[in-house]
Full PDB file with SEQRES, HELIX, SHEET, SSBOND, CRYST1, ORIGX, SCALE, CONECT and MASTER records, all heavy atoms in Angstrom:
SEQRES   1 A   36  ILE GLY GLY VAL VAL LEU ALA LEU VAL GLY ILE GLY LEU          
SEQRES   2 A   36  GLY ILE ALA ALA PHE VAL VAL ARG ARG ARG LYS ALA ALA          
SEQRES   3 A   36  LEU VAL ALA PRO TRP PRO VAL GLN GLN GLY                      
HELIX    1 AA1 GLY A    2  VAL A   28  1                                  27    
CRYST1    1.000    1.000    1.000  90.00  90.00  90.00 P 1           1          
ORIGX1      1.000000  0.000000  0.000000        0.00000                         
ORIGX2      0.000000  1.000000  0.000000        0.00000                         
ORIGX3      0.000000  0.000000  1.000000        0.00000                         
SCALE1      1.000000  0.000000  0.000000        0.00000                         
SCALE2      0.000000  1.000000  0.000000        0.00000                         
SCALE3      0.000000  0.000000  1.000000        0.00000                         
ATOM      1  N   ILE A   1      10.526  16.014 -11.462  1.00  0.00           N  
ATOM      2  CA  ILE A   1      11.282  14.849 -10.952  1.00  0.00           C  
ATOM      3  C   ILE A   1      10.587  14.269  -9.724  1.00  0.00           C  
ATOM      4  O   ILE A   1      10.434  13.059  -9.606  1.00  0.00           O  
ATOM      5  CB  ILE A   1      12.736  15.272 -10.633  1.00  0.00           C  
ATOM      6  CG1 ILE A   1      13.488  15.571 -11.916  1.00  0.00           C  
ATOM      7  CG2 ILE A   1      13.451  14.179  -9.829  1.00  0.00           C  
ATOM      8  CD1 ILE A   1      14.858  16.194 -11.721  1.00  0.00           C  
ATOM      9  N   GLY A   2      10.133  15.138  -8.822  1.00  0.00           N  
ATOM     10  CA  GLY A   2       9.407  14.657  -7.644  1.00  0.00           C  
ATOM     11  C   GLY A   2       8.136  13.929  -8.031  1.00  0.00           C  
ATOM     12  O   GLY A   2       7.792  12.898  -7.432  1.00  0.00           O  
ATOM     13  N   GLY A   3       7.433  14.414  -9.029  1.00  0.00           N  
ATOM     14  CA  GLY A   3       6.209  13.752  -9.511  1.00  0.00           C  
ATOM     15  C   GLY A   3       6.487  12.381 -10.073  1.00  0.00           C  
ATOM     16  O   GLY A   3       5.761  11.419  -9.805  1.00  0.00           O  
ATOM     17  N   VAL A   4       7.556  12.261 -10.851  1.00  0.00           N  
ATOM     18  CA  VAL A   4       7.921  10.957 -11.414  1.00  0.00           C  
ATOM     19  C   VAL A   4       8.287   9.980 -10.301  1.00  0.00           C  
ATOM     20  O   VAL A   4       7.858   8.821 -10.321  1.00  0.00           O  
ATOM     21  CB  VAL A   4       9.085  11.111 -12.429  1.00  0.00           C  
ATOM     22  CG1 VAL A   4       9.681   9.771 -12.816  1.00  0.00           C  
ATOM     23  CG2 VAL A   4       8.619  11.871 -13.661  1.00  0.00           C  
ATOM     24  N   VAL A   5       9.050  10.431  -9.332  1.00  0.00           N  
ATOM     25  CA  VAL A   5       9.433   9.558  -8.213  1.00  0.00           C  
ATOM     26  C   VAL A   5       8.194   9.098  -7.466  1.00  0.00           C  
ATOM     27  O   VAL A   5       8.042   7.911  -7.148  1.00  0.00           O  
ATOM     28  CB  VAL A   5      10.436  10.273  -7.272  1.00  0.00           C  
ATOM     29  CG1 VAL A   5      10.618   9.515  -5.971  1.00  0.00           C  
ATOM     30  CG2 VAL A   5      11.766  10.473  -7.978  1.00  0.00           C  
ATOM     31  N   LEU A   6       7.291  10.022  -7.159  1.00  0.00           N  
ATOM     32  CA  LEU A   6       6.057   9.634  -6.457  1.00  0.00           C  
ATOM     33  C   LEU A   6       5.219   8.674  -7.267  1.00  0.00           C  
ATOM     34  O   LEU A   6       4.622   7.730  -6.726  1.00  0.00           O  
ATOM     35  CB  LEU A   6       5.249  10.885  -6.097  1.00  0.00           C  
ATOM     36  CG  LEU A   6       5.817  11.739  -4.958  1.00  0.00           C  
ATOM     37  CD1 LEU A   6       5.005  13.001  -4.790  1.00  0.00           C  
ATOM     38  CD2 LEU A   6       5.844  10.950  -3.672  1.00  0.00           C  
ATOM     39  N   ALA A   7       5.132   8.876  -8.576  1.00  0.00           N  
ATOM     40  CA  ALA A   7       4.361   7.971  -9.423  1.00  0.00           C  
ATOM     41  C   ALA A   7       4.970   6.568  -9.405  1.00  0.00           C  
ATOM     42  O   ALA A   7       4.244   5.564  -9.297  1.00  0.00           O  
ATOM     43  CB  ALA A   7       4.310   8.496 -10.861  1.00  0.00           C  
ATOM     44  N   LEU A   8       6.297   6.483  -9.484  1.00  0.00           N  
ATOM     45  CA  LEU A   8       6.956   5.175  -9.448  1.00  0.00           C  
ATOM     46  C   LEU A   8       6.767   4.483  -8.104  1.00  0.00           C  
ATOM     47  O   LEU A   8       6.523   3.269  -8.049  1.00  0.00           O  
ATOM     48  CB  LEU A   8       8.449   5.325  -9.769  1.00  0.00           C  
ATOM     49  CG  LEU A   8       8.777   5.728 -11.205  1.00  0.00           C  
ATOM     50  CD1 LEU A   8      10.271   5.992 -11.356  1.00  0.00           C  
ATOM     51  CD2 LEU A   8       8.316   4.672 -12.188  1.00  0.00           C  
ATOM     52  N   VAL A   9       6.841   5.231  -7.033  1.00  0.00           N  
ATOM     53  CA  VAL A   9       6.590   4.657  -5.706  1.00  0.00           C  
ATOM     54  C   VAL A   9       5.146   4.157  -5.619  1.00  0.00           C  
ATOM     55  O   VAL A   9       4.882   3.056  -5.123  1.00  0.00           O  
ATOM     56  CB  VAL A   9       6.889   5.680  -4.585  1.00  0.00           C  
ATOM     57  CG1 VAL A   9       6.355   5.216  -3.247  1.00  0.00           C  
ATOM     58  CG2 VAL A   9       8.379   5.949  -4.501  1.00  0.00           C  
ATOM     59  N   GLY A  10       4.210   4.924  -6.122  1.00  0.00           N  
ATOM     60  CA  GLY A  10       2.808   4.514  -6.103  1.00  0.00           C  
ATOM     61  C   GLY A  10       2.591   3.250  -6.920  1.00  0.00           C  
ATOM     62  O   GLY A  10       1.858   2.339  -6.493  1.00  0.00           O  
ATOM     63  N   ILE A  11       3.190   3.164  -8.085  1.00  0.00           N  
ATOM     64  CA  ILE A  11       3.063   1.956  -8.920  1.00  0.00           C  
ATOM     65  C   ILE A  11       3.656   0.751  -8.181  1.00  0.00           C  
ATOM     66  O   ILE A  11       3.055  -0.330  -8.143  1.00  0.00           O  
ATOM     67  CB  ILE A  11       3.734   2.175 -10.286  1.00  0.00           C  
ATOM     68  CG1 ILE A  11       2.922   3.168 -11.108  1.00  0.00           C  
ATOM     69  CG2 ILE A  11       3.883   0.855 -11.028  1.00  0.00           C  
ATOM     70  CD1 ILE A  11       3.614   3.643 -12.366  1.00  0.00           C  
ATOM     71  N   GLY A  12       4.831   0.940  -7.589  1.00  0.00           N  
ATOM     72  CA  GLY A  12       5.474  -0.140  -6.841  1.00  0.00           C  
ATOM     73  C   GLY A  12       4.619  -0.610  -5.677  1.00  0.00           C  
ATOM     74  O   GLY A  12       4.445  -1.826  -5.453  1.00  0.00           O  
ATOM     75  N   LEU A  13       4.044   0.308  -4.931  1.00  0.00           N  
ATOM     76  CA  LEU A  13       3.170  -0.063  -3.822  1.00  0.00           C  
ATOM     77  C   LEU A  13       1.902  -0.750  -4.316  1.00  0.00           C  
ATOM     78  O   LEU A  13       1.401  -1.687  -3.684  1.00  0.00           O  
ATOM     79  CB  LEU A  13       2.822   1.172  -2.976  1.00  0.00           C  
ATOM     80  CG  LEU A  13       3.984   1.756  -2.175  1.00  0.00           C  
ATOM     81  CD1 LEU A  13       3.554   3.065  -1.508  1.00  0.00           C  
ATOM     82  CD2 LEU A  13       4.464   0.751  -1.127  1.00  0.00           C  
ATOM     83  N   GLY A  14       1.360  -0.307  -5.443  1.00  0.00           N  
ATOM     84  CA  GLY A  14       0.189  -0.951  -6.017  1.00  0.00           C  
ATOM     85  C   GLY A  14       0.467  -2.386  -6.419  1.00  0.00           C  
ATOM     86  O   GLY A  14      -0.326  -3.290  -6.150  1.00  0.00           O  
ATOM     87  N   ILE A  15       1.600  -2.615  -7.044  1.00  0.00           N  
ATOM     88  CA  ILE A  15       1.990  -3.973  -7.444  1.00  0.00           C  
ATOM     89  C   ILE A  15       2.172  -4.848  -6.198  1.00  0.00           C  
ATOM     90  O   ILE A  15       1.716  -5.989  -6.146  1.00  0.00           O  
ATOM     91  CB  ILE A  15       3.260  -3.942  -8.311  1.00  0.00           C  
ATOM     92  CG1 ILE A  15       2.947  -3.308  -9.678  1.00  0.00           C  
ATOM     93  CG2 ILE A  15       3.859  -5.337  -8.481  1.00  0.00           C  
ATOM     94  CD1 ILE A  15       4.168  -3.009 -10.516  1.00  0.00           C  
ATOM     95  N   ALA A  16       2.858  -4.296  -5.173  1.00  0.00           N  
ATOM     96  CA  ALA A  16       3.071  -5.052  -3.943  1.00  0.00           C  
ATOM     97  C   ALA A  16       1.745  -5.420  -3.292  1.00  0.00           C  
ATOM     98  O   ALA A  16       1.567  -6.559  -2.841  1.00  0.00           O  
ATOM     99  CB  ALA A  16       3.943  -4.244  -2.974  1.00  0.00           C  
ATOM    100  N   ALA A  17       0.805  -4.520  -3.239  1.00  0.00           N  
ATOM    101  CA  ALA A  17      -0.510  -4.806  -2.630  1.00  0.00           C  
ATOM    102  C   ALA A  17      -1.229  -5.883  -3.433  1.00  0.00           C  
ATOM    103  O   ALA A  17      -1.855  -6.787  -2.853  1.00  0.00           O  
ATOM    104  CB  ALA A  17      -1.340  -3.534  -2.590  1.00  0.00           C  
ATOM    105  N   PHE A  18      -1.147  -5.828  -4.742  1.00  0.00           N  
ATOM    106  CA  PHE A  18      -1.777  -6.843  -5.595  1.00  0.00           C  
ATOM    107  C   PHE A  18      -1.199  -8.233  -5.315  1.00  0.00           C  
ATOM    108  O   PHE A  18      -1.924  -9.209  -5.147  1.00  0.00           O  
ATOM    109  CB  PHE A  18      -1.596  -6.459  -7.075  1.00  0.00           C  
ATOM    110  CG  PHE A  18      -2.160  -7.456  -8.025  1.00  0.00           C  
ATOM    111  CD1 PHE A  18      -3.524  -7.542  -8.229  1.00  0.00           C  
ATOM    112  CD2 PHE A  18      -1.313  -8.324  -8.720  1.00  0.00           C  
ATOM    113  CE1 PHE A  18      -4.053  -8.460  -9.117  1.00  0.00           C  
ATOM    114  CE2 PHE A  18      -1.830  -9.254  -9.597  1.00  0.00           C  
ATOM    115  CZ  PHE A  18      -3.210  -9.325  -9.800  1.00  0.00           C  
ATOM    116  N   VAL A  19       0.125  -8.318  -5.226  1.00  0.00           N  
ATOM    117  CA  VAL A  19       0.787  -9.591  -4.984  1.00  0.00           C  
ATOM    118  C   VAL A  19       0.427 -10.144  -3.613  1.00  0.00           C  
ATOM    119  O   VAL A  19       0.120 -11.334  -3.462  1.00  0.00           O  
ATOM    120  CB  VAL A  19       2.332  -9.441  -5.126  1.00  0.00           C  
ATOM    121  CG1 VAL A  19       3.072 -10.660  -4.617  1.00  0.00           C  
ATOM    122  CG2 VAL A  19       2.695  -9.156  -6.571  1.00  0.00           C  
ATOM    123  N   VAL A  20       0.432  -9.301  -2.586  1.00  0.00           N  
ATOM    124  CA  VAL A  20       0.079  -9.735  -1.229  1.00  0.00           C  
ATOM    125  C   VAL A  20      -1.343 -10.245  -1.188  1.00  0.00           C  
ATOM    126  O   VAL A  20      -1.621 -11.283  -0.582  1.00  0.00           O  
ATOM    127  CB  VAL A  20       0.297  -8.577  -0.218  1.00  0.00           C  
ATOM    128  CG1 VAL A  20      -0.311  -8.898   1.122  1.00  0.00           C  
ATOM    129  CG2 VAL A  20       1.779  -8.307  -0.072  1.00  0.00           C  
ATOM    130  N   ARG A  21      -2.271  -9.572  -1.824  1.00  0.00           N  
ATOM    131  CA  ARG A  21      -3.683 -10.026  -1.831  1.00  0.00           C  
ATOM    132  C   ARG A  21      -3.828 -11.368  -2.529  1.00  0.00           C  
ATOM    133  O   ARG A  21      -4.579 -12.212  -2.086  1.00  0.00           O  
ATOM    134  CB  ARG A  21      -4.556  -8.995  -2.516  1.00  0.00           C  
ATOM    135  CG  ARG A  21      -4.853  -7.828  -1.656  1.00  0.00           C  
ATOM    136  CD  ARG A  21      -5.827  -6.916  -2.319  1.00  0.00           C  
ATOM    137  NE  ARG A  21      -6.689  -6.372  -1.279  1.00  0.00           N  
ATOM    138  CZ  ARG A  21      -7.812  -5.776  -1.501  1.00  0.00           C  
ATOM    139  NH1 ARG A  21      -8.252  -5.661  -2.734  1.00  0.00           N  
ATOM    140  NH2 ARG A  21      -8.514  -5.299  -0.517  1.00  0.00           N  
ATOM    141  N   ARG A  22      -3.118 -11.548  -3.629  1.00  0.00           N  
ATOM    142  CA  ARG A  22      -3.209 -12.831  -4.356  1.00  0.00           C  
ATOM    143  C   ARG A  22      -2.649 -13.963  -3.504  1.00  0.00           C  
ATOM    144  O   ARG A  22      -3.194 -15.060  -3.480  1.00  0.00           O  
ATOM    145  CB  ARG A  22      -2.467 -12.758  -5.667  1.00  0.00           C  
ATOM    146  CG  ARG A  22      -3.271 -11.950  -6.699  1.00  0.00           C  
ATOM    147  CD  ARG A  22      -2.780 -12.141  -8.073  1.00  0.00           C  
ATOM    148  NE  ARG A  22      -2.675 -13.556  -8.412  1.00  0.00           N  
ATOM    149  CZ  ARG A  22      -3.257 -14.113  -9.450  1.00  0.00           C  
ATOM    150  NH1 ARG A  22      -4.016 -13.388 -10.212  1.00  0.00           N  
ATOM    151  NH2 ARG A  22      -3.080 -15.381  -9.722  1.00  0.00           N  
ATOM    152  N   ARG A  23      -1.549 -13.705  -2.797  1.00  0.00           N  
ATOM    153  CA  ARG A  23      -0.966 -14.741  -1.940  1.00  0.00           C  
ATOM    154  C   ARG A  23      -1.902 -15.099  -0.794  1.00  0.00           C  
ATOM    155  O   ARG A  23      -2.058 -16.258  -0.443  1.00  0.00           O  
ATOM    156  CB  ARG A  23       0.385 -14.304  -1.396  1.00  0.00           C  
ATOM    157  CG  ARG A  23       1.467 -14.409  -2.421  1.00  0.00           C  
ATOM    158  CD  ARG A  23       2.817 -14.267  -1.801  1.00  0.00           C  
ATOM    159  NE  ARG A  23       3.847 -14.381  -2.829  1.00  0.00           N  
ATOM    160  CZ  ARG A  23       5.084 -14.069  -2.637  1.00  0.00           C  
ATOM    161  NH1 ARG A  23       5.491 -13.660  -1.473  1.00  0.00           N  
ATOM    162  NH2 ARG A  23       5.956 -14.206  -3.621  1.00  0.00           N  
ATOM    163  N   LYS A  24      -2.517 -14.063  -0.187  1.00  0.00           N  
ATOM    164  CA  LYS A  24      -3.463 -14.323   0.909  1.00  0.00           C  
ATOM    165  C   LYS A  24      -4.645 -15.126   0.407  1.00  0.00           C  
ATOM    166  O   LYS A  24      -5.102 -16.046   1.061  1.00  0.00           O  
ATOM    167  CB  LYS A  24      -3.962 -12.999   1.505  1.00  0.00           C  
ATOM    168  CG  LYS A  24      -3.085 -12.437   2.562  1.00  0.00           C  
ATOM    169  CD  LYS A  24      -3.784 -11.245   3.223  1.00  0.00           C  
ATOM    170  CE  LYS A  24      -2.954 -10.698   4.335  1.00  0.00           C  
ATOM    171  NZ  LYS A  24      -3.608  -9.562   4.965  1.00  0.00           N  
ATOM    172  N   ALA A  25      -5.131 -14.775  -0.773  1.00  0.00           N  
ATOM    173  CA  ALA A  25      -6.289 -15.489  -1.338  1.00  0.00           C  
ATOM    174  C   ALA A  25      -5.925 -16.942  -1.614  1.00  0.00           C  
ATOM    175  O   ALA A  25      -6.732 -17.854  -1.400  1.00  0.00           O  
ATOM    176  CB  ALA A  25      -6.755 -14.802  -2.609  1.00  0.00           C  
ATOM    177  N   ALA A  26      -4.726 -17.198  -2.072  1.00  0.00           N  
ATOM    178  CA  ALA A  26      -4.312 -18.563  -2.353  1.00  0.00           C  
ATOM    179  C   ALA A  26      -4.180 -19.387  -1.069  1.00  0.00           C  
ATOM    180  O   ALA A  26      -4.495 -20.570  -1.036  1.00  0.00           O  
ATOM    181  CB  ALA A  26      -2.992 -18.561  -3.109  1.00  0.00           C  
ATOM    182  N   LEU A  27      -3.736 -18.758   0.018  1.00  0.00           N  
ATOM    183  CA  LEU A  27      -3.572 -19.473   1.281  1.00  0.00           C  
ATOM    184  C   LEU A  27      -4.906 -19.736   1.960  1.00  0.00           C  
ATOM    185  O   LEU A  27      -5.063 -20.712   2.682  1.00  0.00           O  
ATOM    186  CB  LEU A  27      -2.656 -18.672   2.219  1.00  0.00           C  
ATOM    187  CG  LEU A  27      -1.206 -18.582   1.786  1.00  0.00           C  
ATOM    188  CD1 LEU A  27      -0.453 -17.636   2.729  1.00  0.00           C  
ATOM    189  CD2 LEU A  27      -0.537 -19.940   1.766  1.00  0.00           C  
ATOM    190  N   VAL A  28      -5.873 -18.891   1.798  1.00  0.00           N  
ATOM    191  CA  VAL A  28      -7.170 -19.002   2.448  1.00  0.00           C  
ATOM    192  C   VAL A  28      -8.125 -19.864   1.645  1.00  0.00           C  
ATOM    193  O   VAL A  28      -9.091 -20.400   2.181  1.00  0.00           O  
ATOM    194  CB  VAL A  28      -7.771 -17.585   2.680  1.00  0.00           C  
ATOM    195  CG1 VAL A  28      -9.160 -17.666   3.253  1.00  0.00           C  
ATOM    196  CG2 VAL A  28      -6.856 -16.798   3.595  1.00  0.00           C  
ATOM    197  N   ALA A  29      -7.875 -20.072   0.396  1.00  0.00           N  
ATOM    198  CA  ALA A  29      -8.806 -20.818  -0.470  1.00  0.00           C  
ATOM    199  C   ALA A  29      -9.040 -22.223   0.064  1.00  0.00           C  
ATOM    200  O   ALA A  29      -8.118 -22.891   0.512  1.00  0.00           O  
ATOM    201  CB  ALA A  29      -8.255 -20.883  -1.873  1.00  0.00           C  
ATOM    202  N   PRO A  30     -10.286 -22.665   0.031  1.00  0.00           N  
ATOM    203  CA  PRO A  30     -10.596 -24.012   0.527  1.00  0.00           C  
ATOM    204  C   PRO A  30      -9.977 -25.068  -0.398  1.00  0.00           C  
ATOM    205  O   PRO A  30     -10.069 -24.978  -1.616  1.00  0.00           O  
ATOM    206  CB  PRO A  30     -12.102 -24.084   0.526  1.00  0.00           C  
ATOM    207  CG  PRO A  30     -12.524 -23.028  -0.447  1.00  0.00           C  
ATOM    208  CD  PRO A  30     -11.453 -21.970  -0.443  1.00  0.00           C  
ATOM    209  N   TRP A  31      -9.376 -26.065   0.201  1.00  0.00           N  
ATOM    210  CA  TRP A  31      -8.779 -27.145  -0.557  1.00  0.00           C  
ATOM    211  C   TRP A  31      -9.762 -28.322  -0.592  1.00  0.00           C  
ATOM    212  O   TRP A  31     -10.494 -28.566   0.348  1.00  0.00           O  
ATOM    213  CB  TRP A  31      -7.477 -27.605   0.113  1.00  0.00           C  
ATOM    214  CG  TRP A  31      -6.476 -26.482   0.155  1.00  0.00           C  
ATOM    215  CD1 TRP A  31      -6.203 -25.712   1.204  1.00  0.00           C  
ATOM    216  CD2 TRP A  31      -5.657 -26.039  -0.897  1.00  0.00           C  
ATOM    217  NE1 TRP A  31      -5.249 -24.792   0.905  1.00  0.00           N  
ATOM    218  CE2 TRP A  31      -4.887 -24.962  -0.425  1.00  0.00           C  
ATOM    219  CE3 TRP A  31      -5.489 -26.407  -2.247  1.00  0.00           C  
ATOM    220  CZ2 TRP A  31      -3.961 -24.281  -1.198  1.00  0.00           C  
ATOM    221  CZ3 TRP A  31      -4.566 -25.718  -2.991  1.00  0.00           C  
ATOM    222  CH2 TRP A  31      -3.823 -24.646  -2.469  1.00  0.00           C  
ATOM    223  N   PRO A  32      -9.759 -29.034  -1.668  1.00  0.00           N  
ATOM    224  CA  PRO A  32     -10.656 -30.210  -1.712  1.00  0.00           C  
ATOM    225  C   PRO A  32     -10.215 -31.206  -0.642  1.00  0.00           C  
ATOM    226  O   PRO A  32      -9.048 -31.545  -0.545  1.00  0.00           O  
ATOM    227  CB  PRO A  32     -10.464 -30.771  -3.107  1.00  0.00           C  
ATOM    228  CG  PRO A  32      -9.522 -29.868  -3.819  1.00  0.00           C  
ATOM    229  CD  PRO A  32      -9.036 -28.821  -2.891  1.00  0.00           C  
ATOM    230  N   VAL A  33     -11.140 -31.584   0.148  1.00  0.00           N  
ATOM    231  CA  VAL A  33     -10.852 -32.550   1.228  1.00  0.00           C  
ATOM    232  C   VAL A  33     -11.421 -33.882   0.832  1.00  0.00           C  
ATOM    233  O   VAL A  33     -12.598 -34.008   0.493  1.00  0.00           O  
ATOM    234  CB  VAL A  33     -11.490 -32.053   2.543  1.00  0.00           C  
ATOM    235  CG1 VAL A  33     -11.227 -33.060   3.665  1.00  0.00           C  
ATOM    236  CG2 VAL A  33     -10.952 -30.684   2.905  1.00  0.00           C  
ATOM    237  N   GLN A  34     -10.651 -34.908   0.920  1.00  0.00           N  
ATOM    238  CA  GLN A  34     -11.142 -36.266   0.594  1.00  0.00           C  
ATOM    239  C   GLN A  34     -11.645 -36.948   1.856  1.00  0.00           C  
ATOM    240  O   GLN A  34     -10.988 -36.933   2.875  1.00  0.00           O  
ATOM    241  CB  GLN A  34     -10.026 -37.093  -0.033  1.00  0.00           C  
ATOM    242  CG  GLN A  34      -9.660 -36.579  -1.397  1.00  0.00           C  
ATOM    243  CD  GLN A  34      -8.701 -37.514  -2.094  1.00  0.00           C  
ATOM    244  OE1 GLN A  34      -8.335 -38.531  -1.538  1.00  0.00           O  
ATOM    245  NE2 GLN A  34      -8.351 -37.151  -3.271  1.00  0.00           N  
ATOM    246  N   GLN A  35     -12.790 -37.446   1.746  1.00  0.00           N  
ATOM    247  CA  GLN A  35     -13.408 -38.134   2.899  1.00  0.00           C  
ATOM    248  C   GLN A  35     -13.177 -39.638   2.779  1.00  0.00           C  
ATOM    249  O   GLN A  35     -13.302 -40.202   1.722  1.00  0.00           O  
ATOM    250  CB  GLN A  35     -14.911 -37.854   2.894  1.00  0.00           C  
ATOM    251  CG  GLN A  35     -15.216 -36.386   2.915  1.00  0.00           C  
ATOM    252  CD  GLN A  35     -15.650 -35.909   4.273  1.00  0.00           C  
ATOM    253  OE1 GLN A  35     -16.108 -36.679   5.076  1.00  0.00           O  
ATOM    254  NE2 GLN A  35     -15.500 -34.650   4.525  1.00  0.00           N  
ATOM    255  N   GLY A  36     -12.951 -40.205   3.785  1.00  0.00           N  
ATOM    256  CA  GLY A  36     -12.950 -41.629   3.624  1.00  0.00           C  
ATOM    257  C   GLY A  36     -12.175 -42.446   4.401  1.00  0.00           C  
ATOM    258  O   GLY A  36     -11.738 -43.088   5.035  1.00  0.00           O  
TER     259      GLY A  36                                                      
MASTER        0    0    0    1    0    0    0    6  258    1    0    3          
END                                                                             
């Protein structure tokens, strides 16, 4: 039971880290700037 709980917590933290990284990448990405 302890192993299953730890595995689920690890999966949840992994998903959270993935989502946070994608959001950071989207915010930092260069946007096309129009000159003129």
